[in-house]
Amino acid sequence: VYTGLQPSFRFYSVEIEFDCST
């Protein structure tokens, strides 16, 4: 799923964290 984009991975992680926080 990761195209080797560091920023993308970070953004994905943040989205999951935010979702979990909800």
N, C-alpha and C. Protein backbone atom coordinates (compact mmCIF):
# COMPACT_ATOMS: atom_id res chain seq x y z
N VAL A 1 0.85 -1.20 0.00
CA VAL A 1 0.00 0.00 0.00
C VAL A 1 0.88 1.25 0.00
N TYR A 2 2.07 1.13 0.61
CA TYR A 2 2.98 2.28 0.68
C TYR A 2 3.81 2.36 -0.60
N THR A 3 3.77 3.54 -1.24
CA THR A 3 4.52 3.72 -2.47
C THR A 3 5.94 4.19 -2.16
N GLY A 4 6.36 4.05 -0.90
CA GLY A 4 7.71 4.45 -0.52
C GLY A 4 7.77 5.93 -0.21
N LEU A 5 6.60 6.54 0.07
CA LEU A 5 6.58 7.97 0.39
C LEU A 5 6.58 8.15 1.90
N GLN A 6 7.64 8.74 2.42
CA GLN A 6 7.73 8.93 3.88
C GLN A 6 6.58 9.79 4.40
N PRO A 7 6.31 10.93 3.76
CA PRO A 7 5.23 11.81 4.21
C PRO A 7 3.88 11.09 4.22
N SER A 8 3.68 10.25 3.22
CA SER A 8 2.43 9.52 3.11
C SER A 8 2.24 8.59 4.32
N PHE A 9 3.33 7.91 4.68
CA PHE A 9 3.27 6.98 5.80
C PHE A 9 2.93 7.74 7.09
N ARG A 10 3.57 8.91 7.25
CA ARG A 10 3.34 9.72 8.43
C ARG A 10 1.87 10.15 8.47
N PHE A 11 1.37 10.62 7.34
CA PHE A 11 0.00 11.11 7.27
C PHE A 11 -0.98 9.97 7.61
N TYR A 12 -0.67 8.78 7.08
CA TYR A 12 -1.52 7.62 7.33
C TYR A 12 -1.56 7.30 8.83
N SER A 13 -0.37 7.37 9.45
CA SER A 13 -0.27 7.08 10.88
C SER A 13 -1.10 8.08 11.68
N VAL A 14 -1.02 9.34 11.27
CA VAL A 14 -1.76 10.40 11.97
C VAL A 14 -3.26 10.16 11.83
N GLU A 15 -3.67 9.74 10.64
CA GLU A 15 -5.11 9.50 10.40
C GLU A 15 -5.62 8.39 11.32
N ILE A 16 -4.84 7.33 11.44
CA ILE A 16 -5.23 6.20 12.29
C ILE A 16 -5.31 6.64 13.74
N GLU A 17 -4.29 7.42 14.17
CA GLU A 17 -4.27 7.88 15.55
C GLU A 17 -5.49 8.75 15.83
N PHE A 18 -5.80 9.62 14.90
CA PHE A 18 -6.93 10.53 15.07
C PHE A 18 -8.23 9.73 15.14
N ASP A 19 -8.32 8.70 14.28
CA ASP A 19 -9.50 7.86 14.24
C ASP A 19 -9.68 7.13 15.57
N CYS A 20 -8.56 6.68 16.12
CA CYS A 20 -8.60 5.94 17.37
C CYS A 20 -9.01 6.87 18.52
N SER A 21 -8.56 8.12 18.42
CA SER A 21 -8.85 9.09 19.47
C SER A 21 -10.34 9.43 19.48
N THR A 22 -10.95 9.38 18.31
CA THR A 22 -12.35 9.76 18.21
C THR A 22 -13.21 8.90 19.13
